[in-house]
């Protein structure tokens, strides 16, 4: 296997790992948002719009958490280069 194939394989695994981490964090955010009482802030909490808002909030929050985790691992992998 030459260098190009090895780099492409590593990038593919990295992409897959990023997708999995993002989906796990979005699912975790959905689970956490289930415990919030959003009904008090919404006119019609049983509507499709309220559920869509909950989906959007969980995606936005989950994406930010996943970005932090992915960036943290990337930054920590750069640390050995300092020494």
N, C-alpha and C. Protein backbone atom coordinates (compact mmCIF):
# COMPACT_ATOMS: atom_id res chain seq x y z
N UNK A 1 0.85 -1.16 0.00
CA UNK A 1 0.00 0.00 0.00
C UNK A 1 0.90 1.24 0.00
N UNK A 2 0.67 2.14 -0.94
CA UNK A 2 1.50 3.34 -1.00
C UNK A 2 0.96 4.42 -0.07
N UNK A 3 1.70 5.50 0.01
CA UNK A 3 1.38 6.58 0.95
C UNK A 3 0.01 7.18 0.67
N UNK A 4 -0.34 7.37 -0.60
CA UNK A 4 -1.63 7.95 -0.97
C UNK A 4 -2.79 7.08 -0.47
N UNK A 5 -2.70 5.79 -0.66
CA UNK A 5 -3.76 4.88 -0.22
C UNK A 5 -3.88 4.88 1.30
N UNK A 6 -2.74 4.92 1.97
CA UNK A 6 -2.76 4.94 3.43
C UNK A 6 -3.38 6.24 3.95
N UNK A 7 -3.05 7.36 3.33
CA UNK A 7 -3.62 8.64 3.74
C UNK A 7 -5.12 8.68 3.47
N UNK A 8 -5.53 8.15 2.33
CA UNK A 8 -6.95 8.11 1.99
C UNK A 8 -7.72 7.23 2.96
N UNK A 9 -7.15 6.11 3.36
CA UNK A 9 -7.79 5.22 4.31
C UNK A 9 -7.92 5.89 5.68
N UNK A 10 -6.87 6.59 6.09
CA UNK A 10 -6.90 7.30 7.37
C UNK A 10 -7.95 8.40 7.36
N UNK A 11 -8.03 9.13 6.26
CA UNK A 11 -9.03 10.20 6.16
C UNK A 11 -10.44 9.62 6.17
N UNK A 12 -10.63 8.47 5.52
CA UNK A 12 -11.93 7.82 5.52
C UNK A 12 -12.34 7.38 6.92
N UNK A 13 -11.41 6.79 7.66
CA UNK A 13 -11.70 6.39 9.04
C UNK A 13 -11.99 7.60 9.91
N UNK A 14 -11.23 8.67 9.70
CA UNK A 14 -11.45 9.89 10.46
C UNK A 14 -12.84 10.46 10.18
N UNK A 15 -13.24 10.46 8.92
CA UNK A 15 -14.58 10.93 8.55
C UNK A 15 -15.68 10.09 9.18
N UNK A 16 -15.50 8.78 9.14
CA UNK A 16 -16.48 7.87 9.75
C UNK A 16 -16.57 8.12 11.26
N UNK A 17 -15.43 8.29 11.91
CA UNK A 17 -15.42 8.55 13.34
C UNK A 17 -16.12 9.87 13.65
N UNK A 18 -15.90 10.89 12.84
CA UNK A 18 -16.57 12.18 13.05
C UNK A 18 -18.09 12.05 12.90
N UNK A 19 -18.53 11.28 11.93
CA UNK A 19 -19.97 11.07 11.74
C UNK A 19 -20.57 10.35 12.94
N UNK A 20 -19.91 9.31 13.40
CA UNK A 20 -20.42 8.53 14.54
C UNK A 20 -20.47 9.40 15.80
N UNK A 21 -19.42 10.16 16.05
CA UNK A 21 -19.39 11.03 17.24
C UNK A 21 -20.50 12.07 17.14
N UNK A 22 -20.70 12.64 15.96
CA UNK A 22 -21.75 13.64 15.78
C UNK A 22 -23.14 13.04 16.03
N UNK A 23 -23.40 11.87 15.50
CA UNK A 23 -24.71 11.24 15.70
C UNK A 23 -24.94 10.87 17.16
N UNK A 24 -23.91 10.39 17.83
CA UNK A 24 -24.05 10.06 19.25
C UNK A 24 -24.34 11.31 20.05
N UNK A 25 -23.65 12.40 19.75
CA UNK A 25 -23.87 13.65 20.49
C UNK A 25 -25.25 14.23 20.21
N UNK A 26 -25.74 14.11 18.98
CA UNK A 26 -27.09 14.58 18.66
C UNK A 26 -28.12 13.74 19.40
N UNK A 27 -27.92 12.44 19.44
CA UNK A 27 -28.83 11.57 20.20
C UNK A 27 -28.81 11.89 21.68
N UNK A 28 -27.62 12.13 22.21
CA UNK A 28 -27.49 12.50 23.62
C UNK A 28 -28.19 13.83 23.90
N UNK A 29 -28.04 14.79 22.99
CA UNK A 29 -28.72 16.08 23.15
C UNK A 29 -30.23 15.93 23.11
N UNK A 30 -30.72 15.08 22.22
CA UNK A 30 -32.16 14.81 22.15
C UNK A 30 -32.66 14.26 23.48
N UNK A 31 -31.90 13.31 24.03
CA UNK A 31 -32.26 12.70 25.31
C UNK A 31 -32.28 13.75 26.43
N UNK A 32 -31.28 14.62 26.44
CA UNK A 32 -31.21 15.66 27.46
C UNK A 32 -32.36 16.65 27.31
N UNK A 33 -32.67 17.04 26.09
CA UNK A 33 -33.75 18.00 25.86
C UNK A 33 -35.13 17.44 26.21
N UNK A 34 -35.25 16.12 26.28
CA UNK A 34 -36.52 15.52 26.68
C UNK A 34 -36.88 15.88 28.11
N UNK A 35 -35.87 16.17 28.92
CA UNK A 35 -36.14 16.48 30.33
C UNK A 35 -36.48 17.94 30.56
N UNK A 36 -36.29 18.79 29.54
CA UNK A 36 -36.65 20.21 29.68
C UNK A 36 -38.14 20.40 29.52
N UNK A 37 -38.66 21.37 30.21
CA UNK A 37 -40.08 21.70 30.08
C UNK A 37 -40.23 22.84 29.08
N UNK A 38 -40.22 22.48 27.83
CA UNK A 38 -40.37 23.50 26.79
C UNK A 38 -41.82 23.94 26.63
N UNK A 39 -42.75 23.21 27.23
CA UNK A 39 -44.17 23.55 27.09
C UNK A 39 -44.48 24.94 27.61
N UNK A 40 -43.76 25.37 28.65
CA UNK A 40 -44.01 26.67 29.24
C UNK A 40 -43.65 27.81 28.29
N UNK A 41 -42.72 27.58 27.37
CA UNK A 41 -42.28 28.63 26.46
C UNK A 41 -43.00 28.59 25.12
N UNK A 42 -43.78 27.56 24.87
CA UNK A 42 -44.42 27.40 23.57
C UNK A 42 -45.93 27.56 23.67
N UNK A 43 -46.53 28.10 22.60
CA UNK A 43 -47.98 28.25 22.57
C UNK A 43 -48.68 26.90 22.47
N UNK A 44 -48.19 26.07 21.56
CA UNK A 44 -48.80 24.77 21.32
C UNK A 44 -47.70 23.70 21.38
N UNK A 45 -47.41 23.20 22.58
CA UNK A 45 -46.28 22.28 22.73
C UNK A 45 -46.45 20.92 22.06
N UNK A 46 -47.64 20.55 21.66
CA UNK A 46 -47.87 19.24 21.02
C UNK A 46 -47.84 19.32 19.50
N UNK A 47 -47.57 20.52 18.95
CA UNK A 47 -47.62 20.69 17.51
C UNK A 47 -46.36 20.14 16.85
N UNK A 48 -46.46 20.00 15.54
CA UNK A 48 -45.31 19.54 14.76
C UNK A 48 -44.18 20.56 14.81
N UNK A 49 -44.53 21.84 14.87
CA UNK A 49 -43.50 22.88 14.95
C UNK A 49 -42.71 22.78 16.24
N UNK A 50 -43.37 22.43 17.33
CA UNK A 50 -42.68 22.29 18.61
C UNK A 50 -41.70 21.11 18.56
N UNK A 51 -42.13 20.01 17.95
CA UNK A 51 -41.23 18.85 17.81
C UNK A 51 -40.06 19.18 16.89
N UNK A 52 -40.34 19.91 15.81
CA UNK A 52 -39.27 20.31 14.89
C UNK A 52 -38.28 21.24 15.59
N UNK A 53 -38.78 22.12 16.43
CA UNK A 53 -37.89 22.98 17.22
C UNK A 53 -37.00 22.15 18.13
N UNK A 54 -37.55 21.13 18.73
CA UNK A 54 -36.77 20.24 19.59
C UNK A 54 -35.71 19.50 18.77
N UNK A 55 -36.04 19.08 17.57
CA UNK A 55 -35.07 18.42 16.70
C UNK A 55 -33.95 19.39 16.33
N UNK A 56 -34.32 20.62 15.94
CA UNK A 56 -33.31 21.62 15.58
C UNK A 56 -32.40 21.95 16.76
N UNK A 57 -32.98 22.08 17.94
CA UNK A 57 -32.17 22.37 19.13
C UNK A 57 -31.22 21.22 19.44
N UNK A 58 -31.70 19.99 19.30
CA UNK A 58 -30.83 18.85 19.59
C UNK A 58 -29.72 18.73 18.55
N UNK A 59 -30.00 19.02 17.29
CA UNK A 59 -28.97 18.98 16.25
C UNK A 59 -27.94 20.07 16.50
N UNK A 60 -28.40 21.28 16.80
CA UNK A 60 -27.47 22.40 17.03
C UNK A 60 -26.59 22.14 18.26
N UNK A 61 -27.20 21.70 19.34
CA UNK A 61 -26.45 21.43 20.56
C UNK A 61 -25.53 20.22 20.38
N UNK A 62 -26.04 19.16 19.78
CA UNK A 62 -25.24 17.96 19.56
C UNK A 62 -24.06 18.22 18.64
N UNK A 63 -24.27 19.03 17.61
CA UNK A 63 -23.18 19.36 16.70
C UNK A 63 -22.08 20.13 17.42
N UNK A 64 -22.46 21.08 18.26
CA UNK A 64 -21.46 21.86 18.99
C UNK A 64 -20.67 20.98 19.96
N UNK A 65 -21.35 20.09 20.62
CA UNK A 65 -20.66 19.17 21.55
C UNK A 65 -19.72 18.25 20.77
N UNK A 66 -20.19 17.73 19.64
CA UNK A 66 -19.35 16.85 18.82
C UNK A 66 -18.13 17.60 18.29
N UNK A 67 -18.31 18.84 17.84
CA UNK A 67 -17.19 19.63 17.35
C UNK A 67 -16.15 19.81 18.46
N UNK A 68 -16.62 20.08 19.68
CA UNK A 68 -15.68 20.24 20.79
C UNK A 68 -14.90 18.95 21.02
N UNK A 69 -15.58 17.82 21.05
CA UNK A 69 -14.92 16.54 21.31
C UNK A 69 -13.93 16.22 20.20
N UNK A 70 -14.34 16.39 18.94
CA UNK A 70 -13.46 16.10 17.81
C UNK A 70 -12.25 17.03 17.81
N UNK A 71 -12.49 18.32 18.03
CA UNK A 71 -11.38 19.27 18.08
C UNK A 71 -10.44 18.97 19.24
N UNK A 72 -10.99 18.60 20.37
CA UNK A 72 -10.17 18.29 21.54
C UNK A 72 -9.22 17.13 21.24
N UNK A 73 -9.75 16.07 20.63
CA UNK A 73 -8.90 14.93 20.29
C UNK A 73 -7.86 15.30 19.23
N UNK A 74 -8.24 16.15 18.30
CA UNK A 74 -7.28 16.59 17.29
C UNK A 74 -6.18 17.43 17.93
N UNK A 75 -6.54 18.35 18.80
CA UNK A 75 -5.55 19.18 19.47
C UNK A 75 -4.63 18.33 20.34
N UNK A 76 -5.20 17.35 21.03
CA UNK A 76 -4.36 16.51 21.89
C UNK A 76 -3.42 15.63 21.07
N UNK A 77 -3.80 15.31 19.84
CA UNK A 77 -2.89 14.53 19.00
C UNK A 77 -1.72 15.39 18.50
N UNK A 78 -1.87 16.69 18.51
CA UNK A 78 -0.79 17.59 18.09
C UNK A 78 0.21 17.84 19.20
N UNK A 79 -0.16 17.58 20.44
CA UNK A 79 0.72 17.87 21.57
C UNK A 79 2.07 17.16 21.53
N UNK A 80 2.16 15.91 21.11
CA UNK A 80 3.48 15.28 21.06
C UNK A 80 4.47 16.00 20.15
N UNK A 81 3.98 16.78 19.23
CA UNK A 81 4.86 17.54 18.34
C UNK A 81 5.60 18.65 19.06
N UNK A 82 5.13 19.01 20.23
CA UNK A 82 5.80 20.05 21.00
C UNK A 82 7.06 19.55 21.68
N UNK A 83 7.12 18.26 21.94
CA UNK A 83 8.22 17.72 22.74
C UNK A 83 9.19 16.93 21.92
